[in-house]
N, C-alpha and C. Protein backbone atom coordinates (compact mmCIF):
# COMPACT_ATOMS: atom_id res chain seq x y z
N UNK A 1 0.95 -1.23 0.03
CA UNK A 1 -0.01 0.08 0.06
C UNK A 1 0.82 1.17 0.09
N UNK A 2 2.04 1.18 0.62
CA UNK A 2 2.88 2.21 0.66
C UNK A 2 3.28 2.90 -0.59
N UNK A 3 3.62 1.79 -1.53
CA UNK A 3 4.15 2.14 -2.92
C UNK A 3 3.11 2.76 -3.48
N UNK A 4 1.80 2.52 -3.55
CA UNK A 4 0.69 2.88 -4.19
C UNK A 4 0.56 4.37 -3.81
N UNK A 5 0.52 4.54 -2.46
CA UNK A 5 0.27 5.98 -2.02
C UNK A 5 1.37 6.89 -2.42
N UNK A 6 2.63 6.42 -2.42
CA UNK A 6 3.78 7.44 -2.94
C UNK A 6 3.59 7.71 -4.29
N UNK A 7 3.23 6.82 -4.98
CA UNK A 7 3.20 6.99 -6.67
C UNK A 7 2.12 8.04 -6.92
N UNK A 8 0.92 7.96 -5.95
CA UNK A 8 -0.07 8.93 -6.08
C UNK A 8 0.36 10.42 -5.85
N UNK A 9 1.54 10.43 -5.32
CA UNK A 9 1.87 11.90 -5.09
C UNK A 9 1.00 12.73 -4.13
N UNK A 10 0.38 12.14 -3.15
CA UNK A 10 -0.55 12.96 -2.29
C UNK A 10 0.22 14.12 -1.55
N UNK A 11 1.51 13.81 -0.95
CA UNK A 11 2.19 14.65 -0.28
C UNK A 11 3.51 15.05 -0.87
N UNK A 12 3.49 16.12 -1.90
CA UNK A 12 4.57 16.53 -2.60
C UNK A 12 5.57 17.00 -1.55
N UNK A 13 7.07 16.48 -1.74
CA UNK A 13 8.11 16.76 -1.04
C UNK A 13 8.25 15.90 0.22
N UNK A 14 7.39 15.02 0.42
CA UNK A 14 7.49 13.90 1.61
C UNK A 14 7.18 12.55 0.91
N UNK A 15 7.88 11.69 1.79
CA UNK A 15 7.48 10.19 1.19
C UNK A 15 7.21 9.45 2.57
N UNK A 16 6.25 8.50 2.29
CA UNK A 16 5.59 7.51 3.41
C UNK A 16 6.52 6.66 3.72
N UNK A 17 6.59 6.41 5.00
CA UNK A 17 7.74 5.49 5.57
C UNK A 17 6.89 4.27 6.54
N UNK A 18 5.80 4.76 6.96
CA UNK A 18 5.06 3.85 7.90
C UNK A 18 3.81 4.07 7.94
N UNK A 19 3.02 3.06 8.00
CA UNK A 19 1.59 3.08 8.37
C UNK A 19 1.24 2.25 9.51
N UNK A 20 0.50 2.78 10.47
CA UNK A 20 0.18 2.10 11.80
C UNK A 20 -1.08 2.49 12.00
N UNK A 21 -1.70 1.49 12.51
CA UNK A 21 -3.27 1.78 13.07
C UNK A 21 -3.15 2.13 14.45
N UNK A 22 -4.03 3.48 14.59
CA UNK A 22 -3.94 4.00 16.05
C UNK A 22 -5.24 3.41 16.73
N UNK A 23 -6.39 2.94 15.97
CA UNK A 23 -7.48 2.45 16.72
C UNK A 23 -8.33 1.56 15.59
N UNK A 24 -9.29 1.18 15.80
CA UNK A 24 -10.23 0.53 14.95
C UNK A 24 -10.63 1.43 13.91
N UNK A 25 -10.76 2.92 14.00
CA UNK A 25 -11.18 3.75 12.88
C UNK A 25 -10.25 4.82 12.62
N UNK A 26 -8.81 4.52 13.03
CA UNK A 26 -7.91 5.66 12.94
C UNK A 26 -6.76 5.15 12.54
N UNK A 27 -6.07 5.71 11.31
CA UNK A 27 -4.75 5.13 10.83
C UNK A 27 -3.68 6.43 10.96
N UNK A 28 -2.39 6.15 11.28
CA UNK A 28 -1.36 6.99 11.38
C UNK A 28 -0.50 6.80 10.24
N UNK A 29 -0.22 7.88 9.47
CA UNK A 29 0.80 7.62 8.29
C UNK A 29 2.03 8.49 8.57
N UNK A 30 3.07 7.91 8.70
CA UNK A 30 4.46 8.69 9.25
C UNK A 30 5.02 9.11 7.65
N UNK A 31 5.33 10.24 7.72
CA UNK A 31 6.15 10.80 6.55
C UNK A 31 7.51 11.25 6.81
N UNK A 32 8.28 11.32 5.78
CA UNK A 32 9.58 11.93 5.98
C UNK A 32 9.86 12.97 4.77
N UNK A 33 10.68 13.99 5.21
CA UNK A 33 11.00 14.85 3.94
C UNK A 33 11.79 13.97 2.97
N UNK A 34 11.34 14.33 1.66
CA UNK A 34 12.33 13.77 0.49
C UNK A 34 13.42 14.59 0.31
N UNK A 35 14.63 13.66 0.51
CA UNK A 35 15.82 14.43 0.36
C UNK A 35 16.33 14.90 -0.91
N UNK A 36 15.70 14.60 -1.87
CA UNK A 36 15.76 15.22 -3.35
C UNK A 36 15.00 16.66 -3.54
N UNK A 37 14.43 16.93 -2.58
CA UNK A 37 13.66 18.12 -2.58
C UNK A 37 14.00 19.10 -1.53
N UNK A 38 14.54 20.27 -1.91
CA UNK A 38 14.86 21.32 -1.15
C UNK A 38 13.75 21.87 -0.46
N UNK A 39 13.68 22.28 0.86
CA UNK A 39 12.81 23.15 1.41
C UNK A 39 12.63 24.27 0.90
N UNK A 40 11.30 25.02 0.74
CA UNK A 40 11.27 26.53 0.58
C UNK A 40 10.69 27.32 1.69
N UNK A 41 11.13 28.39 1.64
CA UNK A 41 10.90 29.59 2.75
C UNK A 41 9.34 29.71 2.60
N UNK A 42 8.76 29.69 3.85
CA UNK A 42 7.19 29.92 3.92
C UNK A 42 6.92 31.21 3.61
N UNK A 43 7.78 32.37 3.51
CA UNK A 43 7.35 33.66 3.11
C UNK A 43 7.61 33.99 1.99
N UNK A 44 8.91 33.78 1.27
CA UNK A 44 9.24 34.12 0.06
C UNK A 44 9.36 33.07 -1.09
N UNK A 45 9.07 31.85 -0.53
CA UNK A 45 9.19 30.66 -1.44
C UNK A 45 10.61 30.37 -2.03
N UNK A 46 11.53 30.97 -1.59
CA UNK A 46 12.79 30.73 -2.01
C UNK A 46 13.49 29.25 -1.55
N UNK A 47 14.22 28.63 -2.21
CA UNK A 47 14.95 27.52 -1.81
C UNK A 47 15.94 27.77 -0.64
N UNK A 48 15.83 26.91 0.44
CA UNK A 48 16.76 27.15 1.57
C UNK A 48 17.29 25.95 1.82
N UNK A 49 18.66 25.98 2.03
CA UNK A 49 19.60 24.76 2.10
C UNK A 49 19.77 24.57 3.63
N UNK A 50 19.71 25.74 4.50
CA UNK A 50 20.02 25.68 5.90
C UNK A 50 18.64 25.38 6.88
N UNK A 51 18.79 24.35 7.67
CA UNK A 51 17.72 23.97 8.65
C UNK A 51 17.92 24.46 9.85
N UNK A 52 16.94 25.24 10.53
CA UNK A 52 17.22 25.70 11.86
C UNK A 52 16.85 24.53 12.98
N UNK A 53 15.61 24.14 12.78
CA UNK A 53 15.24 22.99 13.53
C UNK A 53 14.13 22.33 12.62
N UNK A 54 13.83 20.98 13.41
CA UNK A 54 12.85 20.00 12.98
C UNK A 54 11.72 20.02 14.00
N UNK A 55 10.56 19.95 13.56
CA UNK A 55 9.39 19.92 14.53
C UNK A 55 8.32 18.75 13.87
N UNK A 56 7.78 17.86 14.75
CA UNK A 56 6.94 16.88 14.10
C UNK A 56 5.52 17.45 14.38
N UNK A 57 4.61 17.50 13.39
CA UNK A 57 3.30 18.00 13.62
C UNK A 57 2.32 16.83 13.15
N UNK A 58 1.18 16.63 13.89
CA UNK A 58 0.22 15.49 13.62
C UNK A 58 -0.80 16.41 12.91
N UNK A 59 -1.08 16.19 11.79
CA UNK A 59 -2.20 16.65 10.71
C UNK A 59 -3.17 15.57 10.31
N UNK A 60 -4.35 16.24 10.44
CA UNK A 60 -5.45 15.24 9.94
C UNK A 60 -5.64 15.49 8.34
N UNK A 61 -5.76 14.28 7.74
CA UNK A 61 -6.10 14.07 6.18
C UNK A 61 -7.32 13.58 6.03
N UNK A 62 -7.93 13.84 4.78
CA UNK A 62 -9.02 13.25 4.41
C UNK A 62 -9.01 11.69 4.58
N UNK A 63 -10.28 11.37 4.90
CA UNK A 63 -10.29 9.73 5.34
C UNK A 63 -9.75 8.87 4.28
N UNK A 64 -9.22 7.80 4.55
CA UNK A 64 -8.79 6.76 3.55
C UNK A 64 -9.74 5.51 3.81
N UNK A 65 -10.74 5.32 2.83
CA UNK A 65 -11.58 4.45 2.69
C UNK A 65 -12.43 4.63 4.27
N UNK A 66 -12.59 3.73 5.10
CA UNK A 66 -13.56 3.83 6.19
C UNK A 66 -12.53 4.39 7.62
N UNK A 67 -11.26 4.83 7.31
CA UNK A 67 -10.41 5.10 8.36
C UNK A 67 -10.23 6.58 8.45
N UNK A 68 -10.22 7.23 9.56
CA UNK A 68 -9.70 8.56 9.70
C UNK A 68 -8.13 8.45 9.52
N UNK A 69 -7.51 9.43 8.70
CA UNK A 69 -6.04 9.36 8.42
C UNK A 69 -5.32 10.39 9.12
N UNK A 70 -4.39 10.24 9.94
CA UNK A 70 -3.77 11.22 10.58
C UNK A 70 -2.05 11.05 10.01
N UNK A 71 -1.55 12.28 9.56
CA UNK A 71 -0.22 12.35 9.09
C UNK A 71 0.76 12.87 10.31
N UNK A 72 1.85 12.15 10.60
CA UNK A 72 3.01 12.62 11.43
C UNK A 72 3.86 13.12 10.34
N UNK A 73 4.06 14.48 10.31
CA UNK A 73 4.98 15.16 9.35
C UNK A 73 5.94 15.92 10.10
N UNK A 74 7.26 15.68 9.58
CA UNK A 74 8.35 16.35 10.15
C UNK A 74 8.37 17.68 9.36
N UNK A 75 7.96 18.98 9.93
CA UNK A 75 8.31 20.03 9.14
C UNK A 75 9.61 20.96 9.70
N UNK A 76 10.18 21.40 8.73
CA UNK A 76 11.54 22.02 9.09
C UNK A 76 11.46 23.55 9.17
N UNK A 77 12.09 24.16 10.16
CA UNK A 77 12.11 25.47 10.18
C UNK A 77 13.40 25.79 9.61
N UNK A 78 13.48 26.79 8.49
CA UNK A 78 14.56 26.81 7.66
C UNK A 78 15.23 28.33 7.77
N UNK A 79 16.24 28.52 7.58
CA UNK A 79 16.93 29.98 7.65
C UNK A 79 16.98 30.41 6.14
N UNK A 80 16.15 31.38 5.88
CA UNK A 80 15.97 31.89 4.56
C UNK A 80 17.21 33.28 4.72
N UNK A 81 17.93 33.42 3.43
CA UNK A 81 18.72 34.45 3.53
C UNK A 81 18.05 35.93 3.54
N UNK A 82 16.83 35.96 2.87
CA UNK A 82 15.86 37.20 2.73
C UNK A 82 15.22 37.49 3.87
N UNK A 83 14.47 36.29 4.52
CA UNK A 83 13.33 36.53 5.63
C UNK A 83 13.79 36.18 6.75
N UNK A 84 14.86 35.26 6.90
CA UNK A 84 15.24 34.89 8.27
C UNK A 84 14.76 33.35 8.52
N UNK A 85 14.58 33.20 9.78
CA UNK A 85 13.73 31.88 10.26
C UNK A 85 12.43 31.77 9.94
N UNK A 86 11.84 30.82 9.26
CA UNK A 86 10.61 30.58 8.97
C UNK A 86 10.16 29.10 8.90
N UNK A 87 8.87 28.67 8.95
CA UNK A 87 8.56 27.25 8.69
C UNK A 87 8.60 27.02 7.21
N UNK A 88 8.95 25.94 6.90
CA UNK A 88 8.96 25.70 5.30
C UNK A 88 7.60 25.68 4.71
N UNK A 89 7.57 25.93 3.37
CA UNK A 89 6.43 26.08 2.69
C UNK A 89 5.98 24.70 2.26
N UNK A 90 4.77 24.01 2.56
CA UNK A 90 4.25 22.82 2.21
C UNK A 90 3.16 23.02 1.38
N UNK A 91 3.22 22.64 -0.09
CA UNK A 91 2.11 23.19 -0.85
C UNK A 91 0.84 22.55 -0.39
N UNK A 92 0.38 21.34 0.01
CA UNK A 92 -0.58 20.57 0.40
C UNK A 92 -1.06 20.99 1.77
N UNK A 93 -0.36 21.95 2.60
CA UNK A 93 -0.71 22.22 3.92
C UNK A 93 -0.76 23.70 4.01
N UNK A 94 -1.93 24.20 4.37
CA UNK A 94 -2.12 25.79 4.41
C UNK A 94 -1.16 26.00 5.71
N UNK A 95 -0.78 27.42 5.69
CA UNK A 95 0.04 27.88 6.80
C UNK A 95 -0.75 27.59 8.10
N UNK A 96 0.03 27.11 9.06
CA UNK A 96 -0.24 27.18 10.30
C UNK A 96 -1.66 26.21 10.62
N UNK A 97 -1.76 25.44 9.60
CA UNK A 97 -3.15 24.61 9.80
C UNK A 97 -2.81 23.03 10.05
N UNK A 98 -3.92 22.57 10.91
CA UNK A 98 -3.74 21.09 11.41
C UNK A 98 -4.59 20.30 10.30
N UNK A 99 -5.05 20.68 9.15
CA UNK A 99 -5.81 20.16 8.43
C UNK A 99 -5.32 20.31 6.89
N UNK A 100 -5.18 19.25 6.18
CA UNK A 100 -4.60 19.29 4.55
C UNK A 100 -5.55 20.19 3.93
N UNK A 101 -4.94 20.55 2.85
CA UNK A 101 -5.70 21.18 1.94
C UNK A 101 -6.92 20.34 1.27
N UNK A 102 -6.58 19.16 1.02
CA UNK A 102 -7.46 18.20 0.57
C UNK A 102 -8.66 17.96 1.34
N UNK A 103 -8.51 17.84 2.73
CA UNK A 103 -9.56 17.79 3.47
C UNK A 103 -10.37 19.07 3.61
N UNK A 104 -9.69 20.18 3.77
CA UNK A 104 -10.46 21.41 3.70
C UNK A 104 -11.40 21.74 2.48
N UNK A 105 -10.91 21.16 1.35
CA UNK A 105 -11.91 21.23 0.17
C UNK A 105 -12.84 20.29 0.24
N UNK A 106 -12.55 19.10 0.90
CA UNK A 106 -13.82 18.13 1.14
C UNK A 106 -14.97 18.55 1.96
N UNK A 107 -14.40 19.39 3.07
CA UNK A 107 -15.45 19.84 4.05
C UNK A 107 -16.14 20.99 3.32
N UNK A 108 -15.40 21.81 2.71
CA UNK A 108 -15.93 22.92 2.05
C UNK A 108 -17.10 22.74 0.78
N UNK A 109 -16.87 21.38 0.58
CA UNK A 109 -17.83 20.78 -0.56
C UNK A 109 -19.37 20.40 0.24
N UNK A 110 -18.86 19.79 1.38
CA UNK A 110 -19.96 19.28 2.35
C UNK A 110 -20.80 20.34 2.73
N UNK A 111 -20.32 21.57 3.11
CA UNK A 111 -20.83 22.50 3.95
C UNK A 111 -21.76 23.16 3.06
N UNK A 112 -21.99 23.01 1.73
CA UNK A 112 -22.88 23.74 0.96
C UNK A 112 -24.31 22.53 1.02
N UNK A 113 -24.00 21.46 1.40
CA UNK A 113 -25.03 20.51 1.39
C UNK A 113 -25.70 19.80 2.83
N UNK A 114 -24.88 19.96 3.66
CA UNK A 114 -25.25 19.21 4.95
C UNK A 114 -25.14 20.16 6.28
N UNK A 115 -25.65 19.86 7.14
CA UNK A 115 -25.54 20.83 8.36
C UNK A 115 -24.25 20.60 9.05
N UNK A 116 -23.92 21.20 9.96
CA UNK A 116 -22.63 21.16 10.58
C UNK A 116 -22.49 19.80 11.47
N UNK A 117 -23.68 19.47 12.16
CA UNK A 117 -23.74 18.48 13.01
C UNK A 117 -23.30 17.09 12.25
N UNK A 118 -24.12 16.96 11.02
CA UNK A 118 -23.76 15.83 10.16
C UNK A 118 -22.30 15.70 9.58
N UNK A 119 -21.85 16.91 9.15
CA UNK A 119 -20.61 16.81 8.62
C UNK A 119 -19.55 16.46 9.83
N UNK A 120 -19.67 16.95 11.14
CA UNK A 120 -18.82 16.50 12.12
C UNK A 120 -18.90 15.14 12.45
N UNK A 121 -20.21 14.54 12.50
CA UNK A 121 -20.20 13.02 12.47
C UNK A 121 -19.50 12.13 11.31
N UNK A 122 -19.74 12.86 10.35
CA UNK A 122 -18.99 12.23 8.97
C UNK A 122 -17.52 12.22 9.07
N UNK A 123 -17.06 13.30 9.33
CA UNK A 123 -15.50 13.62 9.41
C UNK A 123 -14.90 13.40 10.47
N UNK A 124 -15.70 13.47 11.89
CA UNK A 124 -14.70 13.26 13.01
C UNK A 124 -14.14 14.73 13.44
N UNK A 125 -14.61 15.61 12.81
CA UNK A 125 -14.02 16.93 13.15
C UNK A 125 -15.04 17.95 14.11
N UNK A 126 -14.26 18.59 14.89
CA UNK A 126 -15.26 19.22 15.92
C UNK A 126 -15.98 20.44 15.21
N UNK A 127 -17.22 20.70 15.66
CA UNK A 127 -17.95 21.64 14.92
C UNK A 127 -17.41 23.11 14.79
N UNK A 128 -16.50 23.54 16.00
CA UNK A 128 -15.76 24.81 15.87
C UNK A 128 -14.87 24.87 14.77
N UNK A 129 -14.23 23.71 14.44
CA UNK A 129 -13.25 23.64 13.52
C UNK A 129 -14.18 23.76 12.03
N UNK A 130 -15.13 23.09 11.93
CA UNK A 130 -15.88 23.30 10.61
C UNK A 130 -16.67 24.64 10.55
N UNK A 131 -16.92 25.29 11.72
CA UNK A 131 -17.33 26.74 11.43
C UNK A 131 -16.15 27.61 11.08
N UNK A 132 -15.01 27.33 11.41
CA UNK A 132 -13.78 28.15 11.10
C UNK A 132 -13.62 27.91 9.53
N UNK A 133 -13.48 26.64 9.22
CA UNK A 133 -13.59 26.36 7.64
C UNK A 133 -14.70 27.03 7.04
N UNK A 134 -15.84 27.13 7.37
CA UNK A 134 -16.77 27.77 6.90
C UNK A 134 -16.77 29.30 6.74
N UNK A 135 -16.33 29.76 7.95
CA UNK A 135 -16.11 31.39 7.79
C UNK A 135 -15.11 31.86 6.97
N UNK A 136 -14.06 31.03 6.80
CA UNK A 136 -13.06 31.39 5.58
C UNK A 136 -13.49 31.11 4.44
N UNK A 137 -14.27 30.12 4.13
CA UNK A 137 -14.87 29.86 2.67
C UNK A 137 -15.88 30.91 2.41
N UNK A 138 -16.57 31.47 3.50
CA UNK A 138 -17.52 32.63 3.26
C UNK A 138 -16.72 33.98 2.71
N UNK A 139 -15.79 34.15 3.64
CA UNK A 139 -15.12 35.42 3.45
C UNK A 139 -14.43 35.39 1.89
N UNK A 140 -13.97 34.18 1.48
CA UNK A 140 -13.47 33.99 0.41
C UNK A 140 -14.48 34.55 -0.95
N UNK A 141 -15.54 33.67 -0.67
CA UNK A 141 -16.50 33.48 -1.83
C UNK A 141 -17.70 34.61 -1.92
N UNK A 142 -18.09 35.18 -0.58
CA UNK A 142 -19.23 36.09 -0.71
C UNK A 142 -18.59 37.59 -0.42
N UNK A 143 -19.16 38.50 -1.35
CA UNK A 143 -18.54 39.66 -1.39
C UNK A 143 -19.41 40.46 -0.37
N UNK A 144 -18.84 41.38 0.19
CA UNK A 144 -19.61 42.32 1.06
C UNK A 144 -20.80 43.06 0.28
N UNK A 145 -21.88 43.33 0.95
CA UNK A 145 -22.81 44.16 0.23
C UNK A 145 -22.59 45.55 -0.09
N UNK A 146 -22.85 46.14 -1.18
CA UNK A 146 -22.67 47.42 -1.56
C UNK A 146 -23.56 48.35 -0.86
N UNK A 147 -23.38 49.00 -0.04
CA UNK A 147 -24.28 49.87 0.79
C UNK A 147 -24.42 51.27 0.34
N UNK A 148 -23.74 51.64 -0.80
CA UNK A 148 -23.66 52.97 -1.33
C UNK A 148 -25.07 53.44 -1.65
N UNK A 149 -25.95 52.61 -2.19
CA UNK A 149 -27.25 52.75 -2.80
C UNK A 149 -28.35 52.66 -1.78
N UNK A 150 -28.16 52.45 -0.29
CA UNK A 150 -29.07 52.25 0.89
C UNK A 150 -29.45 53.55 1.18
N UNK A 151 -30.94 53.78 1.03
CA UNK A 151 -31.45 55.11 1.60
C UNK A 151 -32.11 55.07 2.79
N UNK A 152 -32.76 54.04 3.41
CA UNK A 152 -33.40 53.84 4.49
C UNK A 152 -33.03 52.46 5.15
N UNK A 153 -32.85 52.60 6.55
CA UNK A 153 -32.77 51.30 7.20
C UNK A 153 -34.23 51.05 7.81
N UNK A 154 -34.85 50.06 7.67
CA UNK A 154 -36.15 49.59 8.22
C UNK A 154 -36.07 48.79 9.51
N UNK A 155 -36.83 48.82 10.53
CA UNK A 155 -36.86 48.08 11.64
C UNK A 155 -37.94 47.04 11.70
N UNK A 156 -38.17 45.94 11.86
CA UNK A 156 -39.48 45.18 11.82
C UNK A 156 -40.26 45.58 13.26
N UNK A 157 -41.58 45.35 13.12
CA UNK A 157 -42.49 45.64 14.13
C UNK A 157 -42.27 45.06 15.32
N UNK A 158 -41.56 43.74 15.37
CA UNK A 158 -41.40 42.99 16.73
C UNK A 158 -40.33 43.74 17.43
N UNK A 159 -39.28 44.08 16.66
CA UNK A 159 -38.07 44.80 17.35
C UNK A 159 -38.43 46.10 17.92
N UNK A 160 -39.36 46.82 17.08
CA UNK A 160 -39.91 48.35 17.30
C UNK A 160 -40.64 48.07 18.72
N UNK A 161 -41.61 46.92 18.82
CA UNK A 161 -42.39 47.03 19.81
C UNK A 161 -41.58 46.55 21.24
N UNK A 162 -40.70 45.66 20.91
CA UNK A 162 -39.78 45.43 22.10
C UNK A 162 -39.12 46.74 22.64
N UNK A 163 -38.59 47.44 21.67
CA UNK A 163 -37.83 48.57 22.02
C UNK A 163 -38.64 49.73 22.79
N UNK A 164 -40.15 49.65 22.54
CA UNK A 164 -41.00 50.52 23.17
C UNK A 164 -41.45 49.94 24.49
N UNK A 165 -41.52 48.86 24.67
CA UNK A 165 -42.08 48.06 25.89
C UNK A 165 -40.91 48.08 27.06
N UNK A 166 -39.61 48.33 26.70
CA UNK A 166 -38.63 48.35 27.74
C UNK A 166 -38.28 49.80 27.89
N UNK A 167 -38.59 50.36 29.00
CA UNK A 167 -38.26 51.93 29.23
C UNK A 167 -36.96 51.98 29.46
N UNK A 168 -36.36 52.99 28.97
CA UNK A 168 -34.97 53.27 29.11
C UNK A 168 -34.83 54.56 29.90
N UNK A 169 -33.92 54.77 30.78
CA UNK A 169 -33.70 55.94 31.56
C UNK A 169 -33.05 57.07 30.59
N UNK A 170 -33.56 58.26 30.76
CA UNK A 170 -33.09 59.36 29.80
C UNK A 170 -31.58 59.65 29.82
N UNK A 171 -30.73 59.25 30.95
CA UNK A 171 -29.32 59.43 30.95
C UNK A 171 -28.59 58.50 29.99
N UNK A 172 -29.20 57.36 29.68
CA UNK A 172 -28.76 56.20 29.03
C UNK A 172 -28.93 56.63 27.36
N UNK A 173 -27.60 56.89 26.74
CA UNK A 173 -28.02 57.09 25.15
C UNK A 173 -28.34 55.61 24.48
N UNK A 174 -29.27 55.84 23.43
CA UNK A 174 -29.79 54.81 22.74
C UNK A 174 -28.77 54.45 21.58
N UNK A 175 -28.13 53.30 21.67
CA UNK A 175 -27.10 53.05 20.51
C UNK A 175 -27.66 53.21 19.18
N UNK A 176 -26.69 53.66 18.22
CA UNK A 176 -27.17 53.68 16.97
C UNK A 176 -26.73 52.40 16.11
N UNK A 177 -27.53 51.55 15.97
CA UNK A 177 -27.36 50.28 15.42
C UNK A 177 -28.18 50.16 13.93
N UNK A 178 -27.63 49.34 12.95
CA UNK A 178 -27.95 48.94 11.73
C UNK A 178 -28.30 47.74 11.75
N UNK A 179 -29.32 47.26 10.68
CA UNK A 179 -29.63 45.83 10.66
C UNK A 179 -28.21 45.08 10.20
N UNK A 180 -28.15 43.73 10.44
CA UNK A 180 -27.10 43.06 10.33
C UNK A 180 -27.45 41.77 9.86
C-alpha cells in the first residue's frame, strides 16, 4: 500500500515511511522529507539549504476508505537569507493549519450540502473547526454588500415593539445600530 500512496503523489516533498493503526477507526501515516527536494521558505518561497530545527506535527488528512487518516509530518524551520527563520512551505498544507488542503476542500464541498452536525459526525471534526473552515470559505466567496445605494434602514415591528416596551432611563443614550 505504501508504494501505491507514494506513486499517487499525495504529499509533494515528502514520502511515506510507515503506516500504523491507531485504533479501529484511525490510521497514522508517518512521512519523512524527501531528500531530493529542497525546502522552500514559508514567506518568500525561495529554496533554503539551511535547517534551523525540525518539528513533528500531527495533521488530519481526508479519510482513507473507512478510516480517519492522521499524518505525522516532520516540518523544518529553515533559515532564509532574505526572511530569516520561518517554517518551510508545504504546498498541500495551509500555513499554520492542522488540516490538509484536500480535507479542507472536502469539508467546504460538504458545507453547502449538509448541516454542521452531520459533517462533524461524518468527518470526526469538531464543529468549531467546521465553523472556522466555513467562515474562511464565506469570506473568500461572498462579497460584502454594496451599501452606497442604501437610503433607509427599516426596523421590523417586533423589534420596534420590544424597544418601546422596555423603558430606558433618559441618561442612557440609545446606541445607533443598523440591521445586520
